[in-house]
């Protein structure tokens, strides 16, 4: 393999105590680069033993479906499987070395409790998407550095792809069948999974997995990789501290949810946060008073479904200080959310639009059709952008929403405060605030000069975190919590550039 191809990069991933090599290779005759997963291969005798082990261990174990999303429960099941497998292997192949035994057990665990070879791809932090299109072609992956790559792994036959889709579905209490051929769910790892069955997908059964970071992004990471700037994040921090409402816009995979996640530590620890999502994607610091809610599809009889609108209406009865809505898609959801904003609830949501002006247009036109007068509830609109050529995500614009009445006519427009400059890859101030500073002054009693001082103070704290590489979500959350408990101490430590004690 190495002599026939140019190896662009090689690295390894670890899963279940074994190391798997990965090679990114290029062949002149091929139009697409390849992601080569160097999986262990076993002889006919070992393969037969693996089949016997699977049958024997599974017959002894009863996995409770309702607990299959419980990470601790799955961990206990895996440990039980591992111990049982090692016991049998020591009897069957007593001369095998420890490395061989661990490899066999790891493969066995992925086939019995996971998605087979796909599990090894899920262990690669460099991948964003894993796609199975059909049994007759290899699995594809989206690599952060190399884009779409064709792998050396195929899932055969079609029934095996359907089996993996059913494994995903059962874990979240759903079904994927000929009558219900579409599935949207999430794995124990938090990764989002989608499946479609033949003949809806005419080539064959498909599985699409969007892989999320195991170590969540934080504001420090986003400032370091130039997705945003400390100056801009100081503004967003201040807006969130004083309960301004924010809409995050952008195209598909532009980083809307990731950006929302990095902003959540700016919320005070004593505020009650309710999040509402179709599929759980939010990852908030442990110290927050957070209640996550997710929608549910109806069962085969069409009963038991819980829609986003149901959860949104119900959340207003849960005394929330902050409401996070995964994404606005329908008119009624938008109306209820904007009503919540107008009645004093601080809310954050994502929306598909590529500029601040488009956000306004899409919200005020069908199918959303929010009355222009309601849009003044939005204080800030952050627009995310994905540059596919460079493979980077950036904050494209940050704007405030302005409403204006002329006689019987109401108009809404966006005033862009910050924007990304592609020429030098920086985010710079574009225009002065017309409304936001007035709103902040109204909420805080601060003058324009005092607001500027507040922003500069927060910018220094964020720069301090970047300088001292404070990027884990627990560490970032701890500093924010400490700031709200004793602001003077945090500011003093930052000015003296002293190391903070983070518990």
Protein backbone atom coordinates (compact mmCIF):
# COMPACT_ATOMS: atom_id res chain seq x y z
CA UNK A 1 0.00 0.00 0.00
CA UNK A 2 2.76 2.43 0.92
CA UNK A 3 4.73 1.91 -2.34
CA UNK A 4 1.73 2.41 -4.67
CA UNK A 5 0.47 5.62 -3.05
CA UNK A 6 1.77 8.97 -1.86
CA UNK A 7 1.16 9.15 1.87
CA UNK A 8 0.16 12.72 2.69
CA UNK A 9 -0.17 12.16 6.43
CA UNK A 10 -0.20 9.32 8.96
CA UNK A 11 -1.44 9.32 12.53
CA UNK A 12 -3.16 6.96 14.97
CA UNK A 13 -6.33 6.92 17.07
CA UNK A 14 -7.04 5.02 20.27
CA UNK A 15 -10.20 3.09 21.01
CA UNK A 16 -10.80 0.54 23.74
CA UNK A 17 -7.09 0.45 24.61
CA UNK A 18 -5.93 -0.37 21.07
CA UNK A 19 -4.19 1.89 18.58
CA UNK A 20 -5.34 2.04 14.96
CA UNK A 21 -3.19 3.62 12.25
CA UNK A 22 -4.72 6.02 9.73
CA UNK A 23 -3.11 7.10 6.46
CA UNK A 24 -4.27 9.89 4.15
CA UNK A 25 -3.14 8.71 0.72
CA UNK A 26 -3.21 9.99 -2.83
CA UNK A 27 -3.03 8.07 -6.09
CA UNK A 28 -2.56 9.88 -9.41
CA UNK A 29 -5.17 7.75 -11.20
CA UNK A 30 -7.81 8.52 -8.56
CA UNK A 31 -9.78 11.77 -8.41
CA UNK A 32 -10.36 11.60 -4.65
CA UNK A 33 -7.87 11.10 -1.84
CA UNK A 34 -8.32 8.10 0.42
CA UNK A 35 -8.72 7.73 4.16
CA UNK A 36 -7.07 4.37 4.90
CA UNK A 37 -8.10 2.80 8.19
CA UNK A 38 -5.61 0.07 9.05
CA UNK A 39 -7.97 -2.28 10.88
CA UNK A 40 -6.77 -5.61 12.30
CA UNK A 41 -7.41 -8.69 10.16
CA UNK A 42 -8.05 -12.15 11.59
CA UNK A 43 -7.81 -15.63 10.19
CA UNK A 44 -10.79 -17.92 9.58
CA UNK A 45 -10.35 -19.61 12.97
CA UNK A 46 -10.36 -16.31 14.90
CA UNK A 47 -13.37 -15.07 12.89
CA UNK A 48 -15.29 -18.22 13.83
CA UNK A 49 -14.33 -17.70 17.47
CA UNK A 50 -15.56 -14.10 17.31
CA UNK A 51 -18.97 -15.29 16.05
CA UNK A 52 -19.24 -17.81 18.89
CA UNK A 53 -18.25 -15.19 21.43
CA UNK A 54 -20.87 -12.74 20.15
CA UNK A 55 -23.63 -15.30 20.33
CA UNK A 56 -22.63 -16.51 23.78
CA UNK A 57 -22.13 -13.13 25.43
CA UNK A 58 -25.25 -11.54 23.95
CA UNK A 59 -27.44 -14.41 25.13
CA UNK A 60 -26.20 -13.81 28.69
CA UNK A 61 -26.76 -10.04 28.69
CA UNK A 62 -29.99 -8.08 28.71
CA UNK A 63 -29.49 -4.46 27.61
CA UNK A 64 -32.26 -2.20 28.82
CA UNK A 65 -33.28 0.00 25.90
CA UNK A 66 -34.49 2.84 28.11
CA UNK A 67 -31.01 3.10 29.64
CA UNK A 68 -29.03 2.83 26.41
CA UNK A 69 -28.41 6.60 26.32
CA UNK A 70 -27.00 6.51 29.86
CA UNK A 71 -23.22 6.79 29.35
CA UNK A 72 -22.45 5.27 32.76
CA UNK A 73 -24.76 2.32 32.10
CA UNK A 74 -23.14 1.67 28.69
CA UNK A 75 -19.73 1.84 30.36
CA UNK A 76 -20.76 -0.83 32.88
CA UNK A 77 -22.16 -3.04 30.10
CA UNK A 78 -18.90 -2.71 28.15
CA UNK A 79 -16.85 -3.64 31.21
CA UNK A 80 -19.07 -6.67 31.78
CA UNK A 81 -18.70 -7.71 28.13
CA UNK A 82 -14.95 -7.17 28.26
CA UNK A 83 -14.47 -9.32 31.37
CA UNK A 84 -16.62 -12.11 29.93
CA UNK A 85 -14.77 -12.01 26.60
CA UNK A 86 -11.33 -12.14 28.25
CA UNK A 87 -12.39 -15.13 30.35
CA UNK A 88 -13.53 -17.07 27.27
CA UNK A 89 -10.50 -16.06 25.18
CA UNK A 90 -8.05 -17.27 27.84
CA UNK A 91 -9.67 -20.69 27.62
CA UNK A 92 -9.95 -20.77 23.81
CA UNK A 93 -6.54 -19.29 22.90
CA UNK A 94 -4.37 -19.49 26.04
CA UNK A 95 -1.13 -18.80 24.12
CA UNK A 96 -2.29 -15.42 22.70
CA UNK A 97 -0.39 -12.34 23.91
CA UNK A 98 -2.16 -9.49 25.73
CA UNK A 99 -2.07 -7.14 22.72
CA UNK A 100 -3.83 -9.70 20.50
CA UNK A 101 -6.41 -10.36 23.21
CA UNK A 102 -7.14 -6.64 23.62
CA UNK A 103 -7.46 -6.20 19.85
CA UNK A 104 -9.93 -9.07 19.53
CA UNK A 105 -12.00 -7.80 22.47
CA UNK A 106 -12.03 -4.22 21.07
CA UNK A 107 -13.30 -5.40 17.68
CA UNK A 108 -15.84 -7.61 19.42
CA UNK A 109 -17.16 -4.72 21.54
CA UNK A 110 -17.62 -2.44 18.52
CA UNK A 111 -19.51 -5.13 16.62
CA UNK A 112 -21.74 -6.09 19.55
CA UNK A 113 -22.43 -2.71 21.17
CA UNK A 114 -21.51 -0.24 18.47
CA UNK A 115 -21.43 0.40 14.75
CA UNK A 116 -18.56 -1.90 13.79
CA UNK A 117 -15.70 -0.18 11.90
CA UNK A 118 -17.55 3.15 12.01
CA UNK A 119 -16.70 3.30 15.74
CA UNK A 120 -13.00 3.61 14.89
CA UNK A 121 -13.77 6.59 12.65
CA UNK A 122 -15.80 8.17 15.45
CA UNK A 123 -12.65 8.01 17.57
CA UNK A 124 -10.77 10.24 15.07
CA UNK A 125 -10.95 13.89 16.25
CA UNK A 126 -10.00 15.06 12.74
CA UNK A 127 -13.31 13.95 11.23
CA UNK A 128 -16.48 16.05 11.05
CA UNK A 129 -18.77 13.76 9.05
CA UNK A 130 -19.00 10.01 8.42
CA UNK A 131 -21.27 8.97 5.55
CA UNK A 132 -22.54 5.58 4.39
CA UNK A 133 -24.24 5.97 0.98
CA UNK A 134 -24.91 2.30 0.14
CA UNK A 135 -23.30 -1.14 0.46
CA UNK A 136 -21.77 -1.04 -3.05
CA UNK A 137 -19.51 1.93 -2.36
CA UNK A 138 -17.07 2.71 0.45
CA UNK A 139 -17.81 4.87 3.44
CA UNK A 140 -16.95 8.57 2.96
CA UNK A 141 -15.61 10.95 5.62
CA UNK A 142 -15.19 14.71 5.84
CA UNK A 143 -11.72 15.50 7.20
CA UNK A 144 -11.04 18.90 8.79
CA UNK A 145 -7.81 19.28 6.80
CA UNK A 146 -8.45 17.37 3.56
CA UNK A 147 -12.22 17.68 3.04
CA UNK A 148 -14.16 14.73 1.61
CA UNK A 149 -12.20 11.47 1.50
CA UNK A 150 -13.17 7.99 0.34
CA UNK A 151 -12.30 5.28 2.88
CA UNK A 152 -11.18 1.69 2.43
CA UNK A 153 -14.17 0.50 4.50
CA UNK A 154 -17.48 -0.75 3.09
CA UNK A 155 -20.55 -1.81 5.07
CA UNK A 156 -21.99 -4.94 3.44
CA UNK A 157 -24.67 -6.09 2.77
CA UNK A 158 -27.49 -3.50 2.73
CA UNK A 159 -29.09 -5.30 5.67
CA UNK A 160 -26.04 -4.48 7.79
CA UNK A 161 -26.48 -0.74 7.13
CA UNK A 162 -30.15 -1.10 8.10
CA UNK A 163 -29.06 -2.99 11.22
CA UNK A 164 -26.76 -0.12 12.25
CA UNK A 165 -29.61 2.35 11.65
CA UNK A 166 -31.84 0.22 13.90
CA UNK A 167 -29.17 0.14 16.62
CA UNK A 168 -29.09 3.96 16.59
CA UNK A 169 -32.90 4.17 16.55
CA UNK A 170 -33.47 1.71 19.42
CA UNK A 171 -31.09 3.61 21.67
CA UNK A 172 -33.27 6.71 21.49
CA UNK A 173 -36.59 4.88 21.57
CA UNK A 174 -37.31 5.38 17.86
CA UNK A 175 -38.00 3.09 14.92
CA UNK A 176 -36.69 3.11 11.38
CA UNK A 177 -38.71 0.85 9.08
CA UNK A 178 -40.07 0.70 5.52
CA UNK A 179 -43.12 2.61 6.76
CA UNK A 180 -40.98 5.06 8.74
CA UNK A 181 -37.78 5.26 6.63
CA UNK A 182 -36.29 8.49 8.04
CA UNK A 183 -34.34 8.77 11.29
CA UNK A 184 -32.80 11.72 13.10
CA UNK A 185 -31.16 10.80 16.38
CA UNK A 186 -27.97 11.05 18.39
CA UNK A 187 -25.42 8.54 19.66
CA UNK A 188 -24.24 7.99 23.22
CA UNK A 189 -21.19 10.09 22.31
CA UNK A 190 -23.43 13.06 21.48
CA UNK A 191 -22.81 12.79 17.74
CA UNK A 192 -25.80 13.45 15.51
CA UNK A 193 -27.00 10.62 13.26
CA UNK A 194 -29.37 10.57 10.31
CA UNK A 195 -30.51 7.49 8.39
CA UNK A 196 -32.66 6.85 5.31
CA UNK A 197 -33.83 3.48 4.03
CA UNK A 198 -34.28 2.16 0.49
CA UNK A 199 -36.33 2.95 -1.60
CA UNK A 200 -36.52 6.53 -0.20
CA UNK A 201 -32.78 6.68 -0.89
CA UNK A 202 -32.83 4.99 -4.28
CA UNK A 203 -29.25 3.67 -4.31
CA UNK A 204 -29.51 1.98 -0.94
CA UNK A 205 -29.67 2.56 2.81
CA UNK A 206 -27.74 5.56 4.12
CA UNK A 207 -26.29 6.74 7.43
CA UNK A 208 -24.86 10.23 8.03
CA UNK A 209 -23.10 10.99 11.31
CA UNK A 210 -22.02 14.49 12.25
CA UNK A 211 -19.23 14.10 14.74
CA UNK A 212 -18.99 16.56 17.62
CA UNK A 213 -15.88 17.38 19.60
CA UNK A 214 -15.36 15.30 22.72
CA UNK A 215 -13.69 18.31 24.31
CA UNK A 216 -16.21 21.13 23.66
CA UNK A 217 -15.07 24.34 22.00
CA UNK A 218 -14.80 27.35 24.30
CA UNK A 219 -14.49 31.07 23.73
CA UNK A 220 -10.70 30.80 24.17
CA UNK A 221 -10.46 28.32 21.30
CA UNK A 222 -12.54 30.54 19.01
CA UNK A 223 -10.41 33.60 19.74
CA UNK A 224 -7.19 31.61 19.23
CA UNK A 225 -8.24 30.20 15.88
CA UNK A 226 -9.55 33.63 14.75
CA UNK A 227 -13.18 32.52 14.43
CA UNK A 228 -13.93 35.60 16.52
CA UNK A 229 -12.06 38.28 18.47
CA UNK A 230 -11.79 39.17 22.15
CA UNK A 231 -13.22 42.64 21.42
CA UNK A 232 -16.33 41.17 19.84
CA UNK A 233 -16.75 38.50 22.53
CA UNK A 234 -16.53 41.20 25.23
CA UNK A 235 -19.57 42.83 23.60
CA UNK A 236 -21.49 39.54 23.43
CA UNK A 237 -20.53 38.71 27.02
CA UNK A 238 -21.86 42.08 28.20
CA UNK A 239 -25.06 41.66 26.17
CA UNK A 240 -25.64 38.20 27.67
CA UNK A 241 -24.80 39.31 31.19
CA UNK A 242 -27.54 41.93 30.99
CA UNK A 243 -30.02 39.54 29.34
CA UNK A 244 -30.08 40.85 25.78
CA UNK A 245 -31.67 38.52 23.19
CA UNK A 246 -29.44 37.07 20.48
CA UNK A 247 -30.19 35.28 17.19
CA UNK A 248 -27.35 33.28 15.60
CA UNK A 249 -27.59 33.02 11.82
CA UNK A 250 -25.56 31.22 9.19
CA UNK A 251 -25.58 28.53 6.54
CA UNK A 252 -25.43 24.76 7.08
CA UNK A 253 -22.36 23.69 9.12
CA UNK A 254 -21.24 27.31 9.53
CA UNK A 255 -20.78 26.85 13.28
CA UNK A 256 -24.01 28.35 14.69
CA UNK A 257 -24.51 25.76 17.44
CA UNK A 258 -20.80 25.71 18.31
CA UNK A 259 -20.81 29.50 18.68
CA UNK A 260 -23.90 29.36 20.87
CA UNK A 261 -22.17 26.78 23.04
CA UNK A 262 -19.11 28.96 23.63
CA UNK A 263 -21.35 31.84 24.75
CA UNK A 264 -23.22 29.86 27.42
CA UNK A 265 -20.58 30.25 30.18
CA UNK A 266 -21.34 34.01 30.07
CA UNK A 267 -24.64 33.28 31.84
CA UNK A 268 -24.74 33.82 35.61
CA UNK A 269 -24.67 30.59 37.70
CA UNK A 270 -27.85 31.56 39.57
CA UNK A 271 -29.93 31.89 36.37
CA UNK A 272 -32.23 29.03 35.36
CA UNK A 273 -31.52 27.93 31.79
CA UNK A 274 -33.96 25.85 29.70
CA UNK A 275 -32.69 24.51 26.36
CA UNK A 276 -35.01 23.08 23.69
CA UNK A 277 -33.63 21.03 20.80
CA UNK A 278 -34.65 18.40 18.29
CA UNK A 279 -31.39 16.57 18.95
CA UNK A 280 -29.26 17.31 21.99
CA UNK A 281 -26.24 19.34 20.87
CA UNK A 282 -25.76 21.93 23.62
CA UNK A 283 -22.90 21.33 26.06
CA UNK A 284 -23.02 23.72 28.99
CA UNK A 285 -20.68 24.01 32.01
CA UNK A 286 -21.72 21.85 34.96
CA UNK A 287 -22.14 24.80 37.31
CA UNK A 288 -25.06 26.27 35.34
CA UNK A 289 -28.65 25.76 36.51
CA UNK A 290 -29.56 24.02 33.27
CA UNK A 291 -32.54 21.86 32.21
CA UNK A 292 -32.14 20.38 28.70
CA UNK A 293 -35.33 19.35 26.83
CA UNK A 294 -35.51 17.45 23.53
CA UNK A 295 -38.38 16.72 21.15
CA UNK A 296 -39.68 13.21 20.52
CA UNK A 297 -41.10 11.59 17.40
CA UNK A 298 -44.47 9.81 17.70
CA UNK A 299 -44.47 6.02 17.94
CA UNK A 300 -45.67 3.60 15.25
CA UNK A 301 -49.29 4.33 16.24
CA UNK A 302 -48.72 8.07 15.84
CA UNK A 303 -48.85 8.69 19.60
CA UNK A 304 -46.43 10.13 22.13
CA UNK A 305 -44.88 12.78 19.89
CA UNK A 306 -43.55 15.95 21.56
CA UNK A 307 -42.91 18.90 19.24
CA UNK A 308 -40.62 21.87 19.76
CA UNK A 309 -43.66 24.13 20.11
CA UNK A 310 -44.95 21.91 22.96
CA UNK A 311 -41.65 22.23 24.79
CA UNK A 312 -41.39 25.96 24.14
CA UNK A 313 -44.87 26.63 25.56
CA UNK A 314 -44.14 24.32 28.51
CA UNK A 315 -40.76 25.98 29.21
CA UNK A 316 -42.54 29.26 29.97
CA UNK A 317 -44.19 27.50 32.92
CA UNK A 318 -40.79 26.36 34.28
CA UNK A 319 -39.73 29.83 35.44
CA UNK A 320 -36.77 30.20 33.09
CA UNK A 321 -34.37 33.14 33.18
CA UNK A 322 -32.88 32.08 29.86
CA UNK A 323 -34.41 30.07 27.01
CA UNK A 324 -32.28 28.44 24.32
CA UNK A 325 -34.07 27.17 21.21
CA UNK A 326 -32.05 24.91 18.90
CA UNK A 327 -33.45 26.36 15.68
CA UNK A 328 -36.49 28.33 14.53
CA UNK A 329 -38.19 26.60 11.59
CA UNK A 330 -41.90 27.40 11.83
CA UNK A 331 -44.07 30.47 12.25
CA UNK A 332 -45.78 29.40 15.48
CA UNK A 333 -42.45 28.56 17.16
CA UNK A 334 -41.11 32.01 16.20
CA UNK A 335 -44.24 33.75 17.50
CA UNK A 336 -44.07 32.01 20.90
CA UNK A 337 -40.33 32.70 21.21
CA UNK A 338 -40.71 36.38 20.37
CA UNK A 339 -43.61 36.65 22.82
CA UNK A 340 -41.30 35.15 25.45
CA UNK A 341 -38.69 37.78 24.63
CA UNK A 342 -41.26 40.57 24.92
CA UNK A 343 -42.43 39.27 28.31
CA UNK A 344 -38.97 39.53 29.84
CA UNK A 345 -37.35 36.17 29.11
CA UNK A 346 -33.82 36.30 27.72
CA UNK A 347 -33.70 34.02 24.65
CA UNK A 348 -31.14 32.68 22.19
CA UNK A 349 -31.78 30.74 19.01
CA UNK A 350 -30.24 29.78 15.67
CA UNK A 351 -31.62 30.53 12.23
CA UNK A 352 -30.68 29.76 8.62
CA UNK A 353 -29.62 33.03 6.95
CA UNK A 354 -26.28 34.09 5.46
CA UNK A 355 -26.26 37.83 6.35
CA UNK A 356 -27.87 40.15 8.89
CA UNK A 357 -30.10 41.65 6.19
CA UNK A 358 -31.18 38.18 5.06
CA UNK A 359 -32.02 37.31 8.68
CA UNK A 360 -34.45 40.23 8.76
CA UNK A 361 -35.95 39.31 5.36
CA UNK A 362 -36.44 35.66 6.20
CA UNK A 363 -37.96 36.35 9.61
CA UNK A 364 -40.47 38.88 8.24
CA UNK A 365 -41.49 36.88 5.15
CA UNK A 366 -43.18 33.48 4.65
CA UNK A 367 -42.93 30.85 5.98
CA UNK A 368 -41.83 32.46 9.31
CA UNK A 369 -43.69 35.77 8.82
CA UNK A 370 -42.97 37.45 12.15
CA UNK A 371 -44.58 40.92 12.39
CA UNK A 372 -41.88 43.62 12.03
CA UNK A 373 -42.93 45.15 15.36
CA UNK A 374 -41.86 41.95 17.16
CA UNK A 375 -38.32 41.97 15.78
CA UNK A 376 -37.26 44.74 18.11
CA UNK A 377 -37.02 42.00 20.75
CA UNK A 378 -33.77 40.91 19.05
CA UNK A 379 -30.85 42.95 20.34
CA UNK A 380 -28.01 41.25 18.48
CA UNK A 381 -27.71 39.09 15.37
CA UNK A 382 -24.47 37.11 15.01
CA UNK A 383 -23.90 35.73 11.50
CA UNK A 384 -21.54 32.76 11.06
CA UNK A 385 -19.73 31.95 7.82
CA UNK A 386 -17.86 28.90 6.57
CA UNK A 387 -15.09 29.52 4.05
CA UNK A 388 -14.94 26.19 2.22
CA UNK A 389 -11.83 27.08 0.25
CA UNK A 390 -9.77 27.78 3.37
CA UNK A 391 -11.66 25.30 5.55
CA UNK A 392 -12.30 27.87 8.31
CA UNK A 393 -15.33 29.31 10.09
CA UNK A 394 -15.63 32.97 10.97
CA UNK A 395 -18.07 35.43 12.50
CA UNK A 396 -19.10 37.23 9.31
CA UNK A 397 -21.25 39.99 10.83
CA UNK A 398 -22.64 41.15 14.14
CA UNK A 399 -25.59 43.48 13.78
CA UNK A 400 -28.33 45.10 15.80
CA UNK A 401 -31.95 45.06 14.64
CA UNK A 402 -33.58 48.47 14.11
CA UNK A 403 -37.33 49.00 13.66
CA UNK A 404 -38.83 52.18 12.28
CA UNK A 405 -42.44 53.36 11.86
CA UNK A 406 -43.53 55.78 9.18
CA UNK A 407 -47.24 56.41 9.42
CA UNK A 408 -48.91 53.01 9.17
CA UNK A 409 -45.81 51.34 7.76
CA UNK A 410 -43.19 49.53 9.84
CA UNK A 411 -39.76 48.74 8.48
CA UNK A 412 -36.93 46.66 9.93
CA UNK A 413 -33.26 46.79 9.04
CA UNK A 414 -29.94 45.54 10.37
CA UNK A 415 -27.15 47.87 11.47
CA UNK A 416 -23.88 45.92 11.11
CA UNK A 417 -21.57 46.73 14.05
CA UNK A 418 -18.72 44.31 13.26
CA UNK A 419 -17.77 42.41 10.13
CA UNK A 420 -15.10 40.03 8.92
CA UNK A 421 -12.51 41.39 6.47
CA UNK A 422 -11.27 38.57 4.22
CA UNK A 423 -8.29 40.61 2.96
CA UNK A 424 -6.46 40.39 6.30
CA UNK A 425 -8.66 37.78 8.08
CA UNK A 426 -9.72 40.11 10.89
CA UNK A 427 -13.01 41.06 12.51
CA UNK A 428 -13.23 44.82 12.83
CA UNK A 429 -15.74 47.47 13.84
CA UNK A 430 -17.94 48.52 10.93
CA UNK A 431 -20.32 51.13 12.37
CA UNK A 432 -21.36 52.66 15.69
CA UNK A 433 -24.27 51.30 17.70
CA UNK A 434 -27.58 53.11 17.29
CA UNK A 435 -29.63 50.99 19.67
CA UNK A 436 -27.55 48.45 21.67
CA UNK A 437 -25.72 50.95 23.89
CA UNK A 438 -29.03 52.64 24.71
CA UNK A 439 -30.51 49.27 25.68
CA UNK A 440 -27.46 48.42 27.80
CA UNK A 441 -27.63 51.84 29.47
CA UNK A 442 -31.33 51.27 30.20
CA UNK A 443 -30.64 47.84 31.76
CA UNK A 444 -27.48 48.80 33.66
CA UNK A 445 -27.67 52.54 34.32
CA UNK A 446 -24.20 52.85 32.79
CA UNK A 447 -23.16 55.78 30.61
CA UNK A 448 -21.59 55.24 27.15
CA UNK A 449 -18.14 55.81 28.67
CA UNK A 450 -18.80 53.31 31.46
CA UNK A 451 -20.06 50.74 28.92
CA UNK A 452 -16.81 51.15 26.97
CA UNK A 453 -14.85 50.61 30.20
CA UNK A 454 -16.93 47.49 30.92
CA UNK A 455 -16.15 46.11 27.45
CA UNK A 456 -12.43 46.83 27.85
CA UNK A 457 -12.41 45.05 31.23
CA UNK A 458 -14.01 41.93 29.74
CA UNK A 459 -11.66 42.03 26.75
CA UNK A 460 -8.68 41.94 29.13
CA UNK A 461 -10.12 38.91 30.93
CA UNK A 462 -10.63 37.08 27.62
CA UNK A 463 -7.10 37.98 26.45
CA UNK A 464 -5.77 36.72 29.80
CA UNK A 465 -7.52 33.38 29.26
CA UNK A 466 -6.05 33.07 25.76
CA UNK A 467 -2.56 34.01 26.99
CA UNK A 468 -2.70 31.46 29.82
CA UNK A 469 -4.30 28.75 27.63
CA UNK A 470 -7.42 28.45 29.80
CA UNK A 471 -9.62 26.63 27.31
CA UNK A 472 -11.31 23.59 28.94
CA UNK A 473 -15.05 24.20 29.40
CA UNK A 474 -14.81 23.60 33.16
CA UNK A 475 -11.95 26.09 33.52
CA UNK A 476 -13.64 28.76 31.42
CA UNK A 477 -16.89 28.21 33.32
CA UNK A 478 -15.07 28.50 36.66
CA UNK A 479 -13.55 31.87 35.75
CA UNK A 480 -16.93 33.20 34.61
CA UNK A 481 -18.56 31.97 37.83
CA UNK A 482 -15.75 33.52 39.87
CA UNK A 483 -16.23 36.82 37.98
CA UNK A 484 -19.89 36.96 38.99
CA UNK A 485 -19.03 36.07 42.61
CA UNK A 486 -16.05 38.43 43.05
CA UNK A 487 -15.46 40.66 40.03
CA UNK A 488 -12.79 42.78 41.71
CA UNK A 489 -10.62 39.77 42.53
CA UNK A 490 -10.77 38.43 38.96
CA UNK A 491 -9.94 41.85 37.47
CA UNK A 492 -7.06 42.25 39.94
CA UNK A 493 -5.59 38.84 39.06
CA UNK A 494 -5.85 39.63 35.36
CA UNK A 495 -4.18 43.03 35.69
CA UNK A 496 -1.32 41.49 37.68
CA UNK A 497 -1.28 38.51 35.26
CA UNK A 498 -1.37 36.11 38.20
CA UNK A 499 -2.50 32.51 37.87
CA UNK A 500 -6.03 31.98 39.14
CA UNK A 501 -6.93 29.04 41.31
CA UNK A 502 -9.50 27.12 39.25
CA UNK A 503 -11.33 24.42 41.18
